[in-house]
C-alpha atoms as a PDB file:
ATOM      1  CA  UNK A   1       6.623  63.843 -72.775  1.00  0.00           C
ATOM      2  CA  UNK A   2       3.349  62.301 -73.740  1.00  0.00           C
ATOM      3  CA  UNK A   3       1.993  62.607 -70.310  1.00  0.00           C
ATOM      4  CA  UNK A   4       2.963  66.341 -70.491  1.00  0.00           C
ATOM      5  CA  UNK A   5       0.882  66.589 -73.655  1.00  0.00           C
ATOM      6  CA  UNK A   6       3.540  66.495 -76.253  1.00  0.00           C
ATOM      7  CA  UNK A   7       3.290  64.917 -79.650  1.00  0.00           C
ATOM      8  CA  UNK A   8       6.154  62.298 -79.884  1.00  0.00           C
ATOM      9  CA  UNK A   9       7.413  60.314 -82.730  1.00  0.00           C
ATOM     10  CA  UNK A  10      10.065  57.458 -82.339  1.00  0.00           C
ATOM     11  CA  UNK A  11      12.355  56.524 -85.343  1.00  0.00           C
ATOM     12  CA  UNK A  12      13.730  53.088 -84.672  1.00  0.00           C
ATOM     13  CA  UNK A  13      16.003  51.497 -87.056  1.00  0.00           C
ATOM     14  CA  UNK A  14      15.314  47.959 -86.015  1.00  0.00           C
ATOM     15  CA  UNK A  15      12.119  46.081 -86.421  1.00  0.00           C
ATOM     16  CA  UNK A  16      11.484  46.186 -82.766  1.00  0.00           C
ATOM     17  CA  UNK A  17      11.998  48.783 -80.101  1.00  0.00           C
ATOM     18  CA  UNK A  18      14.066  47.888 -76.944  1.00  0.00           C
ATOM     19  CA  UNK A  19      17.804  47.959 -78.251  1.00  0.00           C
ATOM     20  CA  UNK A  20      19.727  45.250 -76.259  1.00  0.00           C
ATOM     21  CA  UNK A  21      16.783  44.343 -74.321  1.00  0.00           C
ATOM     22  CA  UNK A  22      15.955  42.162 -77.312  1.00  0.00           C
ATOM     23  CA  UNK A  23      14.231  38.838 -78.107  1.00  0.00           C
ATOM     24  CA  UNK A  24      15.025  36.887 -81.393  1.00  0.00           C
ATOM     25  CA  UNK A  25      13.445  33.969 -82.839  1.00  0.00           C
ATOM     26  CA  UNK A  26      15.150  30.706 -83.980  1.00  0.00           C
ATOM     27  CA  UNK A  27      12.660  28.404 -85.517  1.00  0.00           C
ATOM     28  CA  UNK A  28       9.738  28.150 -83.087  1.00  0.00           C
ATOM     29  CA  UNK A  29      11.728  29.207 -80.217  1.00  0.00           C
ATOM     30  CA  UNK A  30      12.510  32.866 -78.797  1.00  0.00           C
ATOM     31  CA  UNK A  31      15.879  33.575 -77.179  1.00  0.00           C
ATOM     32  CA  UNK A  32      16.999  36.707 -75.270  1.00  0.00           C
ATOM     33  CA  UNK A  33      20.192  37.286 -77.186  1.00  0.00           C
ATOM     34  CA  UNK A  34      20.926  40.755 -75.523  1.00  0.00           C
ATOM     35  CA  UNK A  35      20.403  41.596 -72.003  1.00  0.00           C
ATOM     36  CA  UNK A  36      19.839  38.651 -70.010  1.00  0.00           C
ATOM     37  CA  UNK A  37      17.868  40.077 -66.971  1.00  0.00           C
ATOM     38  CA  UNK A  38      17.596  43.499 -65.361  1.00  0.00           C
ATOM     39  CA  UNK A  39      17.751  44.709 -61.677  1.00  0.00           C
ATOM     40  CA  UNK A  40      16.264  47.527 -59.991  1.00  0.00           C
ATOM     41  CA  UNK A  41      18.313  49.686 -57.302  1.00  0.00           C
ATOM     42  CA  UNK A  42      16.466  53.042 -57.542  1.00  0.00           C
ATOM     43  CA  UNK A  43      12.892  53.495 -56.225  1.00  0.00           C
ATOM     44  CA  UNK A  44      11.695  54.567 -59.888  1.00  0.00           C
ATOM     45  CA  UNK A  45      12.886  51.625 -61.575  1.00  0.00           C
ATOM     46  CA  UNK A  46      11.925  49.219 -59.013  1.00  0.00           C
ATOM     47  CA  UNK A  47       8.597  50.741 -59.102  1.00  0.00           C
ATOM     48  CA  UNK A  48       8.341  50.217 -62.860  1.00  0.00           C
ATOM     49  CA  UNK A  49       9.680  46.585 -62.709  1.00  0.00           C
ATOM     50  CA  UNK A  50       7.113  45.878 -59.956  1.00  0.00           C
ATOM     51  CA  UNK A  51       4.318  47.344 -62.271  1.00  0.00           C
ATOM     52  CA  UNK A  52       5.492  44.997 -65.146  1.00  0.00           C
ATOM     53  CA  UNK A  53       5.459  41.963 -63.049  1.00  0.00           C
ATOM     54  CA  UNK A  54       2.117  42.890 -61.679  1.00  0.00           C
ATOM     55  CA  UNK A  55       0.856  43.148 -65.349  1.00  0.00           C
ATOM     56  CA  UNK A  56       2.423  39.886 -66.460  1.00  0.00           C
ATOM     57  CA  UNK A  57       5.246  41.415 -68.755  1.00  0.00           C
ATOM     58  CA  UNK A  58       7.894  40.336 -66.530  1.00  0.00           C
ATOM     59  CA  UNK A  59       8.820  37.884 -63.582  1.00  0.00           C
ATOM     60  CA  UNK A  60      11.565  36.997 -61.356  1.00  0.00           C
ATOM     61  CA  UNK A  61      14.262  34.430 -62.564  1.00  0.00           C
ATOM     62  CA  UNK A  62      15.818  31.936 -60.128  1.00  0.00           C
ATOM     63  CA  UNK A  63      18.455  30.361 -62.138  1.00  0.00           C
ATOM     64  CA  UNK A  64      20.887  27.713 -60.544  1.00  0.00           C
ATOM     65  CA  UNK A  65      24.196  29.461 -60.575  1.00  0.00           C
ATOM     66  CA  UNK A  66      26.288  26.660 -59.485  1.00  0.00           C
ATOM     67  CA  UNK A  67      26.390  22.795 -59.712  1.00  0.00           C
ATOM     68  CA  UNK A  68      23.619  21.377 -57.262  1.00  0.00           C
ATOM     69  CA  UNK A  69      23.318  24.948 -55.777  1.00  0.00           C
ATOM     70  CA  UNK A  70      20.058  26.717 -54.694  1.00  0.00           C
ATOM     71  CA  UNK A  71      18.299  28.497 -57.204  1.00  0.00           C
ATOM     72  CA  UNK A  72      18.884  32.290 -57.481  1.00  0.00           C
ATOM     73  CA  UNK A  73      22.446  31.988 -55.653  1.00  0.00           C
ATOM     74  CA  UNK A  74      24.647  34.620 -55.978  1.00  0.00           C
ATOM     75  CA  UNK A  75      22.023  37.528 -56.945  1.00  0.00           C
ATOM     76  CA  UNK A  76      22.534  40.593 -55.039  1.00  0.00           C
ATOM     77  CA  UNK A  77      19.422  42.067 -56.339  1.00  0.00           C
ATOM     78  CA  UNK A  78      16.521  40.112 -57.764  1.00  0.00           C
ATOM     79  CA  UNK A  79      16.942  39.148 -61.406  1.00  0.00           C
ATOM     80  CA  UNK A  80      13.958  40.174 -63.517  1.00  0.00           C
ATOM     81  CA  UNK A  81      13.099  39.014 -67.085  1.00  0.00           C
ATOM     82  CA  UNK A  82      10.543  39.786 -69.579  1.00  0.00           C
ATOM     83  CA  UNK A  83       7.746  37.174 -70.222  1.00  0.00           C
ATOM     84  CA  UNK A  84       7.667  35.664 -72.708  1.00  0.00           C
ATOM     85  CA  UNK A  85      10.732  37.443 -73.625  1.00  0.00           C
ATOM     86  CA  UNK A  86      12.961  40.167 -72.557  1.00  0.00           C
ATOM     87  CA  UNK A  87      11.451  42.607 -75.023  1.00  0.00           C
ATOM     88  CA  UNK A  88       8.242  42.346 -73.161  1.00  0.00           C
ATOM     89  CA  UNK A  89       9.647  44.638 -70.532  1.00  0.00           C
ATOM     90  CA  UNK A  90       9.627  47.585 -72.638  1.00  0.00           C
ATOM     91  CA  UNK A  91       6.577  47.161 -74.725  1.00  0.00           C
ATOM     92  CA  UNK A  92       4.238  49.067 -72.352  1.00  0.00           C
ATOM     93  CA  UNK A  93       6.511  52.282 -72.710  1.00  0.00           C
ATOM     94  CA  UNK A  94       5.644  52.361 -76.300  1.00  0.00           C
ATOM     95  CA  UNK A  95       1.959  52.817 -75.836  1.00  0.00           C
ATOM     96  CA  UNK A  96       0.242  56.023 -77.166  1.00  0.00           C
ATOM     97  CA  UNK A  97       3.545  56.675 -78.827  1.00  0.00           C
ATOM     98  CA  UNK A  98       3.891  56.836 -82.555  1.00  0.00           C
ATOM     99  CA  UNK A  99       6.746  54.473 -83.413  1.00  0.00           C
ATOM    100  CA  UNK A 100       8.294  53.943 -86.794  1.00  0.00           C
ATOM    101  CA  UNK A 101      10.378  50.726 -86.938  1.00  0.00           C
ATOM    102  CA  UNK A 102      12.756  49.729 -89.675  1.00  0.00           C
ATOM    103  CA  UNK A 103      13.777  53.617 -90.181  1.00  0.00           C
ATOM    104  CA  UNK A 104      17.449  54.312 -89.611  1.00  0.00           C
ATOM    105  CA  UNK A 105      18.198  57.954 -89.118  1.00  0.00           C
ATOM    106  CA  UNK A 106      20.943  59.225 -91.546  1.00  0.00           C
ATOM    107  CA  UNK A 107      21.149  62.982 -90.493  1.00  0.00           C
ATOM    108  CA  UNK A 108      19.651  65.460 -88.348  1.00  0.00           C
ATOM    109  CA  UNK A 109      19.223  68.921 -89.908  1.00  0.00           C
ATOM    110  CA  UNK A 110      18.171  71.927 -87.936  1.00  0.00           C
ATOM    111  CA  UNK A 111      16.830  74.917 -89.820  1.00  0.00           C
ATOM    112  CA  UNK A 112      14.501  77.952 -89.077  1.00  0.00           C
ATOM    113  CA  UNK A 113      14.863  76.783 -85.333  1.00  0.00           C
ATOM    114  CA  UNK A 114      13.400  73.348 -86.105  1.00  0.00           C
ATOM    115  CA  UNK A 115      14.700  70.015 -86.671  1.00  0.00           C
ATOM    116  CA  UNK A 116      14.363  67.697 -89.711  1.00  0.00           C
ATOM    117  CA  UNK A 117      15.123  64.015 -89.592  1.00  0.00           C
ATOM    118  CA  UNK A 118      16.528  62.509 -92.727  1.00  0.00           C
ATOM    119  CA  UNK A 119      16.734  58.655 -93.489  1.00  0.00           C
ATOM    120  CA  UNK A 120      18.987  56.329 -95.438  1.00  0.00           C
ATOM    121  CA  UNK A 121      16.387  56.228 -98.348  1.00  0.00           C
ATOM    122  CA  UNK A 122      16.700  59.914 -98.613  1.00  0.00           C
ATOM    123  CA  UNK A 123      13.199  60.932 -97.504  1.00  0.00           C
ATOM    124  CA  UNK A 124      12.757  63.069 -94.579  1.00  0.00           C
ATOM    125  CA  UNK A 125      10.241  64.141 -91.850  1.00  0.00           C
ATOM    126  CA  UNK A 126       9.710  67.110 -89.695  1.00  0.00           C
ATOM    127  CA  UNK A 127       9.583  69.843 -88.387  1.00  0.00           C
ATOM    128  CA  UNK A 128      10.113  68.892 -84.790  1.00  0.00           C
ATOM    129  CA  UNK A 129      10.585  71.383 -81.879  1.00  0.00           C
ATOM    130  CA  UNK A 130      13.104  69.112 -80.063  1.00  0.00           C
ATOM    131  CA  UNK A 131      15.224  65.692 -80.605  1.00  0.00           C
ATOM    132  CA  UNK A 132      16.246  63.237 -78.172  1.00  0.00           C
ATOM    133  CA  UNK A 133      19.147  60.766 -79.545  1.00  0.00           C
ATOM    134  CA  UNK A 134      19.253  57.414 -77.849  1.00  0.00           C
ATOM    135  CA  UNK A 135      21.736  55.268 -79.740  1.00  0.00           C
ATOM    136  CA  UNK A 136      25.359  54.117 -78.861  1.00  0.00           C
ATOM    137  CA  UNK A 137      27.947  57.036 -78.149  1.00  0.00           C
ATOM    138  CA  UNK A 138      29.818  56.623 -81.342  1.00  0.00           C
ATOM    139  CA  UNK A 139      26.640  56.864 -83.445  1.00  0.00           C
ATOM    140  CA  UNK A 140      25.397  59.946 -81.321  1.00  0.00           C
ATOM    141  CA  UNK A 141      28.423  61.680 -82.291  1.00  0.00           C
ATOM    142  CA  UNK A 142      27.824  61.410 -85.934  1.00  0.00           C
ATOM    143  CA  UNK A 143      24.219  62.463 -85.702  1.00  0.00           C
ATOM    144  CA  UNK A 144      25.166  65.624 -83.473  1.00  0.00           C
ATOM    145  CA  UNK A 145      28.317  66.587 -84.977  1.00  0.00           C
ATOM    146  CA  UNK A 146      27.527  70.276 -85.384  1.00  0.00           C
ATOM    147  CA  UNK A 147      26.710  70.770 -81.550  1.00  0.00           C
ATOM    148  CA  UNK A 148      30.297  71.110 -79.926  1.00  0.00           C
ATOM    149  CA  UNK A 149      28.679  71.109 -76.381  1.00  0.00           C
ATOM    150  CA  UNK A 150      27.431  67.620 -76.895  1.00  0.00           C
ATOM    151  CA  UNK A 151      30.227  66.269 -79.039  1.00  0.00           C
ATOM    152  CA  UNK A 152      33.150  67.097 -76.832  1.00  0.00           C
ATOM    153  CA  UNK A 153      31.978  65.108 -73.788  1.00  0.00           C
ATOM    154  CA  UNK A 154      30.910  62.167 -76.023  1.00  0.00           C
ATOM    155  CA  UNK A 155      34.488  61.487 -76.796  1.00  0.00           C
ATOM    156  CA  UNK A 156      35.015  60.061 -73.330  1.00  0.00           C
ATOM    157  CA  UNK A 157      32.788  57.302 -73.838  1.00  0.00           C
ATOM    158  CA  UNK A 158      34.146  53.846 -74.789  1.00  0.00           C
ATOM    159  CA  UNK A 159      32.020  50.953 -75.870  1.00  0.00           C
ATOM    160  CA  UNK A 160      33.098  47.412 -76.778  1.00  0.00           C
ATOM    161  CA  UNK A 161      31.625  44.682 -79.160  1.00  0.00           C
ATOM    162  CA  UNK A 162      29.980  41.678 -77.937  1.00  0.00           C
ATOM    163  CA  UNK A 163      29.303  38.408 -80.072  1.00  0.00           C
ATOM    164  CA  UNK A 164      25.991  36.634 -78.816  1.00  0.00           C
ATOM    165  CA  UNK A 165      25.136  33.111 -79.937  1.00  0.00           C
ATOM    166  CA  UNK A 166      21.823  31.314 -79.613  1.00  0.00           C
ATOM    167  CA  UNK A 167      21.882  27.713 -79.620  1.00  0.00           C
ATOM    168  CA  UNK A 168      19.101  24.992 -79.878  1.00  0.00           C
ATOM    169  CA  UNK A 169      19.561  21.556 -78.619  1.00  0.00           C
ATOM    170  CA  UNK A 170      17.020  18.756 -78.833  1.00  0.00           C
ATOM    171  CA  UNK A 171      18.351  17.100 -75.668  1.00  0.00           C
ATOM    172  CA  UNK A 172      19.480  18.297 -72.495  1.00  0.00           C
ATOM    173  CA  UNK A 173      23.278  18.087 -72.458  1.00  0.00           C
ATOM    174  CA  UNK A 174      24.583  20.763 -70.105  1.00  0.00           C
ATOM    175  CA  UNK A 175      25.482  19.752 -66.515  1.00  0.00           C
ATOM    176  CA  UNK A 176      22.832  20.533 -63.707  1.00  0.00           C
ATOM    177  CA  UNK A 177      23.568  24.243 -63.959  1.00  0.00           C
ATOM    178  CA  UNK A 178      21.418  27.262 -65.555  1.00  0.00           C
ATOM    179  CA  UNK A 179      24.097  29.990 -65.605  1.00  0.00           C
ATOM    180  CA  UNK A 180      27.810  30.142 -66.172  1.00  0.00           C
ATOM    181  CA  UNK A 181      30.048  33.365 -66.169  1.00  0.00           C
ATOM    182  CA  UNK A 182      33.563  34.295 -66.881  1.00  0.00           C
ATOM    183  CA  UNK A 183      34.292  30.662 -68.233  1.00  0.00           C
ATOM    184  CA  UNK A 184      37.412  31.414 -70.306  1.00  0.00           C
ATOM    185  CA  UNK A 185      39.340  34.242 -72.076  1.00  0.00           C
ATOM    186  CA  UNK A 186      36.587  33.322 -74.943  1.00  0.00           C
ATOM    187  CA  UNK A 187      33.409  32.765 -73.186  1.00  0.00           C
ATOM    188  CA  UNK A 188      31.739  35.270 -70.737  1.00  0.00           C
ATOM    189  CA  UNK A 189      28.393  34.043 -70.155  1.00  0.00           C
ATOM    190  CA  UNK A 190      26.286  30.868 -70.730  1.00  0.00           C
ATOM    191  CA  UNK A 191      22.692  30.701 -69.971  1.00  0.00           C
ATOM    192  CA  UNK A 192      19.782  28.172 -70.361  1.00  0.00           C
ATOM    193  CA  UNK A 193      17.400  30.525 -71.699  1.00  0.00           C
ATOM    194  CA  UNK A 194      14.647  27.991 -71.283  1.00  0.00           C
ATOM    195  CA  UNK A 195      14.753  28.125 -67.374  1.00  0.00           C
ATOM    196  CA  UNK A 196      13.415  31.644 -67.490  1.00  0.00           C
ATOM    197  CA  UNK A 197       9.667  32.012 -66.642  1.00  0.00           C
ATOM    198  CA  UNK A 198       7.322  31.749 -69.547  1.00  0.00           C
ATOM    199  CA  UNK A 199       9.655  29.976 -71.604  1.00  0.00           C
ATOM    200  CA  UNK A 200       8.840  26.302 -72.758  1.00  0.00           C
ATOM    201  CA  UNK A 201      11.508  23.806 -74.275  1.00  0.00           C
ATOM    202  CA  UNK A 202      11.819  20.133 -74.573  1.00  0.00           C
ATOM    203  CA  UNK A 203      15.577  20.203 -74.772  1.00  0.00           C
ATOM    204  CA  UNK A 204      17.903  23.182 -74.134  1.00  0.00           C
ATOM    205  CA  UNK A 205      17.949  26.503 -75.514  1.00  0.00           C
ATOM    206  CA  UNK A 206      21.290  28.307 -75.073  1.00  0.00           C
ATOM    207  CA  UNK A 207      22.384  31.992 -75.007  1.00  0.00           C
ATOM    208  CA  UNK A 208      26.176  32.380 -75.101  1.00  0.00           C
ATOM    209  CA  UNK A 209      28.162  35.753 -74.935  1.00  0.00           C
ATOM    210  CA  UNK A 210      31.662  35.978 -75.916  1.00  0.00           C
ATOM    211  CA  UNK A 211      34.120  38.215 -73.859  1.00  0.00           C
ATOM    212  CA  UNK A 212      34.655  41.556 -74.759  1.00  0.00           C
ATOM    213  CA  UNK A 213      38.414  41.124 -75.785  1.00  0.00           C
ATOM    214  CA  UNK A 214      37.499  38.043 -78.083  1.00  0.00           C
ATOM    215  CA  UNK A 215      34.554  39.946 -79.656  1.00  0.00           C
ATOM    216  CA  UNK A 216      36.742  42.898 -80.355  1.00  0.00           C
ATOM    217  CA  UNK A 217      39.368  40.639 -82.059  1.00  0.00           C
ATOM    218  CA  UNK A 218      36.756  39.031 -84.225  1.00  0.00           C
ATOM    219  CA  UNK A 219      34.134  41.626 -84.899  1.00  0.00           C
ATOM    220  CA  UNK A 220      34.964  41.557 -88.571  1.00  0.00           C
ATOM    221  CA  UNK A 221      34.464  37.730 -88.793  1.00  0.00           C
ATOM    222  CA  UNK A 222      31.711  35.711 -90.517  1.00  0.00           C
ATOM    223  CA  UNK A 223      28.768  35.037 -87.973  1.00  0.00           C
ATOM    224  CA  UNK A 224      28.888  31.257 -89.026  1.00  0.00           C
ATOM    225  CA  UNK A 225      32.513  31.098 -88.327  1.00  0.00           C
ATOM    226  CA  UNK A 226      32.040  32.825 -85.066  1.00  0.00           C
ATOM    227  CA  UNK A 227      29.209  30.419 -84.085  1.00  0.00           C
ATOM    228  CA  UNK A 228      31.467  27.284 -84.806  1.00  0.00           C
ATOM    229  CA  UNK A 229      34.371  28.573 -82.794  1.00  0.00           C
ATOM    230  CA  UNK A 230      32.118  29.612 -79.651  1.00  0.00           C
ATOM    231  CA  UNK A 231      30.386  26.179 -79.556  1.00  0.00           C
ATOM    232  CA  UNK A 232      33.654  24.574 -79.874  1.00  0.00           C
ATOM    233  CA  UNK A 233      34.860  26.358 -76.856  1.00  0.00           C
ATOM    234  CA  UNK A 234      31.759  25.677 -74.959  1.00  0.00           C
ATOM    235  CA  UNK A 235      31.725  22.060 -75.729  1.00  0.00           C
ATOM    236  CA  UNK A 236      35.384  22.047 -74.423  1.00  0.00           C
ATOM    237  CA  UNK A 237      34.759  23.943 -71.283  1.00  0.00           C
ATOM    238  CA  UNK A 238      31.649  21.932 -70.306  1.00  0.00           C
ATOM    239  CA  UNK A 239      33.018  18.590 -71.686  1.00  0.00           C
ATOM    240  CA  UNK A 240      29.974  17.887 -73.733  1.00  0.00           C
ATOM    241  CA  UNK A 241      29.659  14.956 -75.975  1.00  0.00           C
ATOM    242  CA  UNK A 242      30.328  15.771 -79.669  1.00  0.00           C
ATOM    243  CA  UNK A 243      26.660  16.860 -80.767  1.00  0.00           C
ATOM    244  CA  UNK A 244      25.867  19.384 -83.467  1.00  0.00           C
ATOM    245  CA  UNK A 245      23.199  21.723 -82.322  1.00  0.00           C
ATOM    246  CA  UNK A 246      19.792  21.584 -84.217  1.00  0.00           C
ATOM    247  CA  UNK A 247      20.138  25.190 -84.924  1.00  0.00           C
ATOM    248  CA  UNK A 248      22.686  28.008 -83.789  1.00  0.00           C
ATOM    249  CA  UNK A 249      23.480  31.422 -84.910  1.00  0.00           C
ATOM    250  CA  UNK A 250      25.611  34.476 -83.998  1.00  0.00           C
ATOM    251  CA  UNK A 251      24.870  38.150 -83.638  1.00  0.00           C
ATOM    252  CA  UNK A 252      27.285  41.148 -83.077  1.00  0.00           C
ATOM    253  CA  UNK A 253      26.386  43.578 -80.702  1.00  0.00           C
ATOM    254  CA  UNK A 254      28.740  46.269 -82.190  1.00  0.00           C
ATOM    255  CA  UNK A 255      28.557  48.690 -79.164  1.00  0.00           C
ATOM    256  CA  UNK A 256      27.263  46.037 -76.694  1.00  0.00           C
ATOM    257  CA  UNK A 257      29.169  46.903 -73.526  1.00  0.00           C
ATOM    258  CA  UNK A 258      30.130  50.055 -71.807  1.00  0.00           C
ATOM    259  CA  UNK A 259      33.709  50.276 -70.825  1.00  0.00           C
ATOM    260  CA  UNK A 260      33.835  54.016 -69.846  1.00  0.00           C
ATOM    261  CA  UNK A 261      30.637  55.966 -69.167  1.00  0.00           C
ATOM    262  CA  UNK A 262      30.039  59.646 -69.840  1.00  0.00           C
ATOM    263  CA  UNK A 263      29.523  60.251 -66.061  1.00  0.00           C
ATOM    264  CA  UNK A 264      26.337  62.316 -66.483  1.00  0.00           C
ATOM    265  CA  UNK A 265      22.762  60.952 -66.554  1.00  0.00           C
ATOM    266  CA  UNK A 266      22.100  62.798 -69.784  1.00  0.00           C
ATOM    267  CA  UNK A 267      23.048  65.665 -71.900  1.00  0.00           C
ATOM    268  CA  UNK A 268      20.956  68.421 -73.400  1.00  0.00           C
ATOM    269  CA  UNK A 269      21.382  71.827 -75.214  1.00  0.00           C
ATOM    270  CA  UNK A 270      18.686  74.132 -74.404  1.00  0.00           C
ATOM    271  CA  UNK A 271      20.041  76.438 -77.193  1.00  0.00           C
ATOM    272  CA  UNK A 272      19.519  73.650 -79.920  1.00  0.00           C
ATOM    273  CA  UNK A 273      16.822  71.609 -78.152  1.00  0.00           C
ATOM    274  CA  UNK A 274      18.743  68.616 -78.683  1.00  0.00           C
ATOM    275  CA  UNK A 275      19.802  65.913 -76.181  1.00  0.00           C
ATOM    276  CA  UNK A 276      21.388  62.489 -75.766  1.00  0.00           C
ATOM    277  CA  UNK A 277      20.564  59.537 -73.534  1.00  0.00           C
ATOM    278  CA  UNK A 278      21.489  55.992 -72.978  1.00  0.00           C
ATOM    279  CA  UNK A 279      22.810  53.458 -70.549  1.00  0.00           C
ATOM    280  CA  UNK A 280      26.446  54.687 -71.356  1.00  0.00           C
ATOM    281  CA  UNK A 281      25.603  58.086 -70.012  1.00  0.00           C
ATOM    282  CA  UNK A 282      25.756  57.027 -66.446  1.00  0.00           C
ATOM    283  CA  UNK A 283      26.673  53.359 -66.506  1.00  0.00           C
ATOM    284  CA  UNK A 284      25.932  50.073 -68.188  1.00  0.00           C
ATOM    285  CA  UNK A 285      22.669  48.910 -66.853  1.00  0.00           C
ATOM    286  CA  UNK A 286      19.202  48.959 -68.170  1.00  0.00           C
ATOM    287  CA  UNK A 287      18.326  50.886 -65.274  1.00  0.00           C
ATOM    288  CA  UNK A 288      20.869  53.630 -66.161  1.00  0.00           C
ATOM    289  CA  UNK A 289      19.198  53.754 -69.417  1.00  0.00           C
ATOM    290  CA  UNK A 290      15.721  54.142 -68.055  1.00  0.00           C
ATOM    291  CA  UNK A 291      17.011  56.858 -65.755  1.00  0.00           C
ATOM    292  CA  UNK A 292      18.741  58.765 -68.622  1.00  0.00           C
ATOM    293  CA  UNK A 293      15.707  58.576 -70.919  1.00  0.00           C
ATOM    294  CA  UNK A 294      13.379  59.845 -68.041  1.00  0.00           C
ATOM    295  CA  UNK A 295      15.317  62.794 -67.108  1.00  0.00           C
ATOM    296  CA  UNK A 296      16.312  63.811 -70.662  1.00  0.00           C
ATOM    297  CA  UNK A 297      12.542  63.878 -71.441  1.00  0.00           C
ATOM    298  CA  UNK A 298      11.890  66.077 -68.349  1.00  0.00           C
ATOM    299  CA  UNK A 299      14.694  68.488 -69.623  1.00  0.00           C
ATOM    300  CA  UNK A 300      13.052  68.642 -73.027  1.00  0.00           C
ATOM    301  CA  UNK A 301       9.600  69.314 -71.253  1.00  0.00           C
ATOM    302  CA  UNK A 302      11.057  72.099 -69.177  1.00  0.00           C
ATOM    303  CA  UNK A 303      12.748  73.853 -72.147  1.00  0.00           C
ATOM    304  CA  UNK A 304       9.729  73.942 -74.287  1.00  0.00           C
ATOM    305  CA  UNK A 305       7.140  75.192 -71.787  1.00  0.00           C
END
């Protein structure tokens, strides 16, 4: 939309952009507590990732996926990670766009054929000619509740929570393997975050994701209790010595996983000049989000020109 000459404003509820392509800090170290890597299958997304690698915003990750196995084993597509954190992958997309962080949209109001955006602090901005909603499907339903042609299909989408825990260990305690998946009914993913390109650590920096079923059962639990239980499970599964991590913390991605997608790349109402985009529209991958946003942007351009 910027390239087409439109003035674009983004209202982001978090402190940084990127959604689940996220990087958090624990002490002096950074952890990718959301998406662990991205892959490219379509020409457009592959081209974007190649550009990010060329500019130093991303690099290929070759983890050891089995004990004493070769690096990168089991990768159907190259695993690309942001450097020095996953969030670096999306940073160039925000160039020349006015981004307001820490601004959670409460209500979208259309009057006199223009959109006004209301925030939780009861302030507002507008008018805008069109609005693109890029949030999880359940939240999109609340924001676009008056537009039936968008709301009805959204009810098909199913999303699940995911607990993510980051752990800092002063010593290397894990077996000689960097990635573990589907370990138990509780643990879905364990990764040595410090084995990714651009990360430096003397000990081990771990990212642990709980299974969707366990996350759903415990989504109302306190993060401290969740962290203790997850670490106990990991210690048991990997037969670790009884060591308390230097630091650990758990974060809930309330709509972290896509169980059932919309089945369309995006949706747009040319009558209301409003649309929705996200990975959940067409699948569950970062690539699906990229494709969804790109096509919604083009639909907005076509409707306004």
